Amino acid sequence: MYYLSYTLWDQFREVPWQRIVRRALAPLTVGLVVASGYVMARAGDADRASAAITAGAVALTLRTRLTPLWILIAGGAQSPLISVR
């Protein structure tokens, strides 16, 4: 299924409708990534320490060109150190 869809997409790469679809999918993808980040941030903010880690992760993401995956991994490594009551 993937191979068929890829070959069809590649076959029609110069068609005007494909450019429109690509331009429409970019903001949709960004919106879904931001929404999922918001959901994860709301679920993880149980106390002030975890809220501070979330704020630090947001600041690092916005101010550096560091991949958000590394920030997510670092936040996951820090989570056992935070005591949840």
C-alpha atoms as a PDB file:
ATOM      1  CA  MET A   1       0.000   0.000   0.000  1.00  0.00           C
ATOM      2  CA  TYR A   2       2.785   2.415   0.914  1.00  0.00           C
ATOM      3  CA  TYR A   3       4.756   1.618  -2.238  1.00  0.00           C
ATOM      4  CA  LEU A   4       1.711   2.183  -4.435  1.00  0.00           C
ATOM      5  CA  SER A   5       0.877   5.515  -2.832  1.00  0.00           C
ATOM      6  CA  TYR A   6       4.500   6.649  -3.025  1.00  0.00           C
ATOM      7  CA  THR A   7       4.811   5.776  -6.707  1.00  0.00           C
ATOM      8  CA  LEU A   8       1.559   7.570  -7.502  1.00  0.00           C
ATOM      9  CA  TRP A   9       2.656  10.616  -5.508  1.00  0.00           C
ATOM     10  CA  ASP A  10       6.041  10.614  -7.254  1.00  0.00           C
ATOM     11  CA  GLN A  11       4.459  10.123 -10.674  1.00  0.00           C
ATOM     12  CA  PHE A  12       2.320  13.258 -10.289  1.00  0.00           C
ATOM     13  CA  ARG A  13       4.948  15.444  -8.602  1.00  0.00           C
ATOM     14  CA  GLU A  14       4.721  18.211 -11.229  1.00  0.00           C
ATOM     15  CA  VAL A  15       0.918  18.441 -11.137  1.00  0.00           C
ATOM     16  CA  PRO A  16      -0.423  21.703  -9.592  1.00  0.00           C
ATOM     17  CA  TRP A  17      -2.807  19.940  -7.168  1.00  0.00           C
ATOM     18  CA  GLN A  18       0.103  18.167  -5.481  1.00  0.00           C
ATOM     19  CA  ARG A  19       1.743  21.474  -4.619  1.00  0.00           C
ATOM     20  CA  ILE A  20      -1.540  22.614  -3.080  1.00  0.00           C
ATOM     21  CA  VAL A  21      -1.831  19.421  -1.031  1.00  0.00           C
ATOM     22  CA  ARG A  22       1.761  19.767   0.232  1.00  0.00           C
ATOM     23  CA  ARG A  23       1.175  23.385   1.241  1.00  0.00           C
ATOM     24  CA  ALA A  24      -2.026  22.388   3.046  1.00  0.00           C
ATOM     25  CA  LEU A  25      -0.414  19.500   4.923  1.00  0.00           C
ATOM     26  CA  ALA A  26       2.443  21.580   6.362  1.00  0.00           C
ATOM     27  CA  PRO A  27       0.330  23.765   8.717  1.00  0.00           C
ATOM     28  CA  LEU A  28      -1.836  20.789   9.587  1.00  0.00           C
ATOM     29  CA  THR A  29       1.238  18.824  10.652  1.00  0.00           C
ATOM     30  CA  VAL A  30       2.600  21.729  12.699  1.00  0.00           C
ATOM     31  CA  GLY A  31      -0.772  22.163  14.394  1.00  0.00           C
ATOM     32  CA  LEU A  32      -0.966  18.481  15.324  1.00  0.00           C
ATOM     33  CA  VAL A  33       2.564  18.544  16.750  1.00  0.00           C
ATOM     34  CA  VAL A  34       1.808  21.651  18.836  1.00  0.00           C
ATOM     35  CA  ALA A  35      -1.488  20.179  20.062  1.00  0.00           C
ATOM     36  CA  SER A  36       0.161  16.924  21.109  1.00  0.00           C
ATOM     37  CA  GLY A  37       2.903  18.865  22.912  1.00  0.00           C
ATOM     38  CA  TYR A  38       0.234  20.846  24.756  1.00  0.00           C
ATOM     39  CA  VAL A  39      -1.570  17.666  25.799  1.00  0.00           C
ATOM     40  CA  MET A  40       1.672  16.101  27.062  1.00  0.00           C
ATOM     41  CA  ALA A  41       2.593  19.294  28.936  1.00  0.00           C
ATOM     42  CA  ARG A  42      -0.808  19.462  30.649  1.00  0.00           C
ATOM     43  CA  ALA A  43      -0.623  15.804  31.652  1.00  0.00           C
ATOM     44  CA  GLY A  44       2.877  16.146  33.072  1.00  0.00           C
ATOM     45  CA  ASP A  45       2.391  19.265  35.179  1.00  0.00           C
ATOM     46  CA  ALA A  46       1.417  17.662  38.475  1.00  0.00           C
ATOM     47  CA  ASP A  47       3.419  19.990  40.736  1.00  0.00           C
ATOM     48  CA  ARG A  48       5.757  22.976  40.589  1.00  0.00           C
ATOM     49  CA  ALA A  49       8.878  20.939  39.833  1.00  0.00           C
ATOM     50  CA  SER A  50       7.361  19.258  36.805  1.00  0.00           C
ATOM     51  CA  ALA A  51       5.898  22.590  35.639  1.00  0.00           C
ATOM     52  CA  ALA A  52       9.399  24.087  35.866  1.00  0.00           C
ATOM     53  CA  ILE A  53      10.827  21.243  33.791  1.00  0.00           C
ATOM     54  CA  THR A  54       8.085  21.764  31.207  1.00  0.00           C
ATOM     55  CA  ALA A  55       8.778  25.512  31.083  1.00  0.00           C
ATOM     56  CA  GLY A  56      12.494  24.826  30.678  1.00  0.00           C
ATOM     57  CA  ALA A  57      11.818  22.377  27.858  1.00  0.00           C
ATOM     58  CA  VAL A  58       9.632  24.931  26.088  1.00  0.00           C
ATOM     59  CA  ALA A  59      12.311  27.610  26.480  1.00  0.00           C
ATOM     60  CA  LEU A  60      15.007  25.271  25.117  1.00  0.00           C
ATOM     61  CA  THR A  61      12.823  24.307  22.191  1.00  0.00           C
ATOM     62  CA  LEU A  62      12.074  27.903  21.256  1.00  0.00           C
ATOM     63  CA  ARG A  63      15.556  29.344  21.803  1.00  0.00           C
ATOM     64  CA  THR A  64      17.817  26.632  20.389  1.00  0.00           C
ATOM     65  CA  ARG A  65      17.930  24.538  17.260  1.00  0.00           C
ATOM     66  CA  LEU A  66      18.107  21.423  19.405  1.00  0.00           C
ATOM     67  CA  THR A  67      15.839  18.618  18.260  1.00  0.00           C
ATOM     68  CA  PRO A  68      12.769  18.386  20.531  1.00  0.00           C
ATOM     69  CA  LEU A  69      13.297  14.626  20.695  1.00  0.00           C
ATOM     70  CA  TRP A  70      16.448  15.124  22.810  1.00  0.00           C
ATOM     71  CA  ILE A  71      14.561  17.455  25.139  1.00  0.00           C
ATOM     72  CA  LEU A  72      11.795  14.867  25.479  1.00  0.00           C
ATOM     73  CA  ILE A  73      14.367  12.162  26.272  1.00  0.00           C
ATOM     74  CA  ALA A  74      16.020  14.398  28.870  1.00  0.00           C
ATOM     75  CA  GLY A  75      12.634  15.109  30.474  1.00  0.00           C
ATOM     76  CA  GLY A  76      11.901  11.389  30.596  1.00  0.00           C
ATOM     77  CA  ALA A  77      15.247  10.715  32.243  1.00  0.00           C
ATOM     78  CA  GLN A  78      14.509  13.323  34.905  1.00  0.00           C
ATOM     79  CA  SER A  79      11.012  12.049  35.710  1.00  0.00           C
ATOM     80  CA  PRO A  80      12.097   9.294  38.150  1.00  0.00           C
ATOM     81  CA  LEU A  81      13.916  11.946  40.201  1.00  0.00           C
ATOM     82  CA  ILE A  82      10.681  13.852  40.828  1.00  0.00           C
ATOM     83  CA  SER A  83       8.663  12.370  43.655  1.00  0.00           C
ATOM     84  CA  VAL A  84       4.942  12.189  42.971  1.00  0.00           C
ATOM     85  CA  ARG A  85       2.798  12.061  46.079  1.00  0.00           C
END
